Amino acid sequence: MKNNMGSIDRIIRALFALGVGFLYYFDVITGVGAIVLGIIALVMLVTAFIGFCPAYVPFNINTGGDK
């Protein structure tokens, strides 16, 4: 697995996941919406951590700068 995410992309994904976590913690989002957003946030956090996004591969996207 080659990294295909740049640092700005990774930071944005981590901030999104953190934001969803705060919204859930303070009961702003609840129910099915909270579950769906939680799953998306978890995927975003994992991809930010490892630096690889599988959804970028079919479209040949690389935000890391080096190919």
Protein backbone atom coordinates (compact mmCIF):
# COMPACT_ATOMS: atom_id res chain seq x y z
CA MET A 1 0.00 0.00 0.00
CA LYS A 2 1.49 3.29 -1.09
CA ASN A 3 0.43 6.44 0.67
CA ASN A 4 -1.92 8.44 -1.53
CA MET A 5 -2.94 11.14 0.94
CA GLY A 6 -1.21 14.40 1.72
CA SER A 7 -0.91 15.98 5.13
CA ILE A 8 -3.73 18.49 4.58
CA ASP A 9 -6.07 15.70 3.46
CA ARG A 10 -5.17 13.69 6.56
CA ILE A 11 -5.70 16.65 8.89
CA ILE A 12 -9.11 17.43 7.40
CA ARG A 13 -10.21 13.81 7.81
CA ALA A 14 -9.02 13.69 11.43
CA LEU A 15 -10.77 16.99 12.23
CA PHE A 16 -13.99 15.69 10.68
CA ALA A 17 -13.82 12.55 12.83
CA LEU A 18 -13.09 14.63 15.93
CA GLY A 19 -16.02 16.94 15.12
CA VAL A 20 -18.42 14.04 14.75
CA GLY A 21 -17.16 12.65 18.04
CA PHE A 22 -17.87 15.95 19.80
CA LEU A 23 -21.33 16.20 18.23
CA TYR A 24 -22.15 12.70 19.44
CA TYR A 25 -20.73 13.32 22.92
CA PHE A 26 -22.82 16.48 23.39
CA ASP A 27 -25.99 14.77 22.03
CA VAL A 28 -26.27 17.03 19.01
CA ILE A 29 -26.59 13.98 16.77
CA THR A 30 -28.50 10.90 17.84
CA GLY A 31 -30.14 7.80 16.42
CA VAL A 32 -29.45 6.41 12.98
CA GLY A 33 -27.76 9.63 11.85
CA ALA A 34 -25.26 9.34 14.69
CA ILE A 35 -24.51 5.72 13.80
CA VAL A 36 -24.00 6.50 10.10
CA LEU A 37 -21.83 9.54 10.82
CA GLY A 38 -19.91 7.54 13.42
CA ILE A 39 -19.06 4.84 10.92
CA ILE A 40 -18.00 7.41 8.33
CA ALA A 41 -15.91 9.22 10.96
CA LEU A 42 -14.24 5.98 11.99
CA VAL A 43 -13.32 5.19 8.38
CA MET A 44 -12.02 8.74 7.91
CA LEU A 45 -9.91 8.45 11.06
CA VAL A 46 -8.41 5.11 10.04
CA THR A 47 -7.57 6.33 6.53
CA ALA A 48 -6.05 9.51 7.98
CA PHE A 49 -3.93 7.43 10.34
CA ILE A 50 -2.60 5.01 7.70
CA GLY A 51 -2.35 7.62 4.90
CA PHE A 52 -4.09 5.47 2.32
CA CYS A 53 -7.60 5.89 0.92
CA PRO A 54 -8.92 2.93 -1.10
CA ALA A 55 -11.55 5.14 -2.75
CA TYR A 56 -8.75 7.17 -4.40
CA VAL A 57 -7.28 4.15 -6.23
CA PRO A 58 -9.90 3.68 -9.01
CA PHE A 59 -9.75 7.38 -9.83
CA ASN A 60 -5.93 7.56 -9.64
CA ILE A 61 -6.09 10.39 -7.07
CA ASN A 62 -2.97 11.24 -5.09
CA THR A 63 -3.07 14.24 -2.77
CA GLY A 64 0.40 13.48 -1.40
CA GLY A 65 2.25 15.29 -4.16
CA ASP A 66 4.57 12.44 -5.19
CA LYS A 67 3.40 9.71 -7.50
